[in-house]
Protein backbone atom coordinates (compact mmCIF):
# COMPACT_ATOMS: atom_id res chain seq x y z
CA MET A 1 -0.09 -0.29 0.01
CA GLY A 2 2.85 2.62 -0.02
CA ALA A 3 4.67 4.94 2.85
CA LYS A 4 1.99 4.59 5.80
CA ALA A 5 0.85 8.67 6.22
CA MET A 6 -0.90 7.80 8.75
CA THR A 7 -1.67 4.60 11.98
CA ASP A 8 -3.16 6.27 14.30
CA HIS A 9 -5.93 3.56 14.62
CA SER A 10 -8.56 6.36 14.43
CA GLU A 11 -12.27 4.92 14.19
CA VAL A 12 -14.35 5.74 11.18
CA LEU A 13 -18.20 4.39 10.04
CA VAL A 14 -18.32 2.20 6.67
CA THR A 15 -20.91 1.89 5.60
CA GLY A 16 -22.40 -0.77 1.94
CA ASN A 17 -23.74 -4.35 1.80
CA ASP A 18 -21.50 -7.03 2.78
CA MET A 19 -20.19 -10.05 0.55
CA PHE A 20 -23.34 -11.83 0.46
CA GLY A 21 -25.70 -8.32 -0.40
CA VAL A 22 -26.97 -7.76 2.97
CA PRO A 23 -26.57 -3.64 4.28
CA PHE A 24 -24.71 -2.21 7.20
CA CYS A 25 -23.34 0.35 8.93
CA GLU A 26 -20.15 -0.51 11.82
CA ARG A 27 -17.71 1.15 13.42
CA ALA A 28 -13.90 0.09 12.48
CA GLN A 29 -11.08 1.16 13.38
CA LEU A 30 -9.04 2.70 10.68
CA LEU A 31 -5.05 1.31 9.81
CA ASP A 32 -3.72 3.50 7.20
CA LEU A 33 -3.86 6.11 5.67
CA ALA A 34 -1.98 7.62 2.36
CA GLN A 35 -3.36 10.01 -0.35
CA ASN A 36 -5.68 7.94 -2.44
CA GLU A 37 -5.86 4.75 -0.68
CA PHE A 38 -6.50 3.56 3.34
CA SER A 39 -7.23 0.17 5.32
CA PHE A 40 -9.10 -0.57 8.40
CA ALA A 41 -9.79 -3.85 10.34
CA LEU A 42 -13.70 -4.54 9.65
CA PHE A 43 -15.61 -7.81 11.05
CA ARG A 44 -18.40 -7.40 8.32
CA PRO A 45 -16.91 -9.76 5.83
CA VAL A 46 -16.68 -7.68 2.25
CA SER A 47 -15.35 -9.39 -0.50
CA GLU A 48 -13.05 -7.12 -3.54
CA ASN A 49 -14.57 -4.73 -6.27
CA LEU A 50 -17.55 -3.80 -3.25
CA THR A 51 -18.24 0.16 -3.19
CA LEU A 52 -18.62 0.86 0.25
CA ARG A 53 -18.97 5.05 2.10
CA VAL A 54 -16.50 5.17 4.54
CA ASN A 55 -17.21 8.77 7.38
CA PHE A 56 -13.82 9.95 8.81
CA HIS A 57 -15.98 11.29 11.24
CA PRO A 58 -18.14 8.74 13.16
CA ASP A 59 -20.40 11.05 15.27
CA ASN A 60 -21.01 12.85 12.52
CA GLU A 61 -23.37 11.98 9.98
CA LEU A 62 -22.63 15.39 7.27
CA ALA A 63 -21.80 14.36 3.38
CA GLU A 64 -18.33 16.10 3.75
CA PHE A 65 -17.37 13.91 6.07
CA TRP A 66 -18.68 10.86 4.11
CA VAL A 67 -15.97 8.96 1.17
CA GLU A 68 -16.83 5.96 -1.39
CA GLY A 69 -14.56 3.74 -2.59
CA LEU A 70 -14.09 0.85 -3.69
CA VAL A 71 -12.75 -2.67 -1.92
CA SER A 72 -8.85 -3.08 -3.19
CA GLU A 73 -7.93 -6.38 -1.02
CA VAL A 74 -9.35 -7.98 1.30
CA LYS A 75 -6.72 -9.99 4.06
CA ASN A 76 -8.45 -12.17 6.50
CA ARG A 77 -6.71 -11.72 10.45
CA LEU A 78 -6.16 -14.48 13.50
CA ASP A 79 -9.13 -11.75 15.40
CA GLY A 80 -11.72 -13.31 13.12
CA LYS A 81 -11.79 -9.32 10.83
CA GLN A 82 -10.40 -8.77 8.04
CA THR A 83 -7.52 -5.82 6.34
CA VAL A 84 -10.27 -3.83 4.04
CA GLU A 85 -8.10 -1.92 2.08
CA LEU A 86 -9.94 0.42 -0.27
CA LYS A 87 -9.70 2.63 -3.28
CA VAL A 88 -11.11 6.52 -3.90
CA ASP A 89 -11.29 9.01 -6.63
CA GLY A 90 -11.15 11.71 -3.61
CA LYS A 91 -14.65 12.76 -4.72
CA ARG A 92 -16.72 13.59 -1.49
CA LEU A 93 -20.28 12.62 -1.57
CA ALA A 94 -24.20 14.66 -1.32
CA SER A 95 -26.03 13.92 0.72
């Protein structure tokens, strides 16, 4: 994923459909943040090429804090979570 720009393990809010097509909304731990991609630890099973929405201020529902991206890589972890890498195009979402 390249050089790490941030690893403070902040909490983010992730929404979308899981690998079974079921809508979900889950708080996740941010693991790595770079310019156009980031990764987080997620319990909900997702697969590559899914679109997810992420809010970097999970306590604020304003549209200016949401980004949408495509899952580029998923790795299973020993703690039951997945490390999910998301690539974004830099556009913010409208509400």
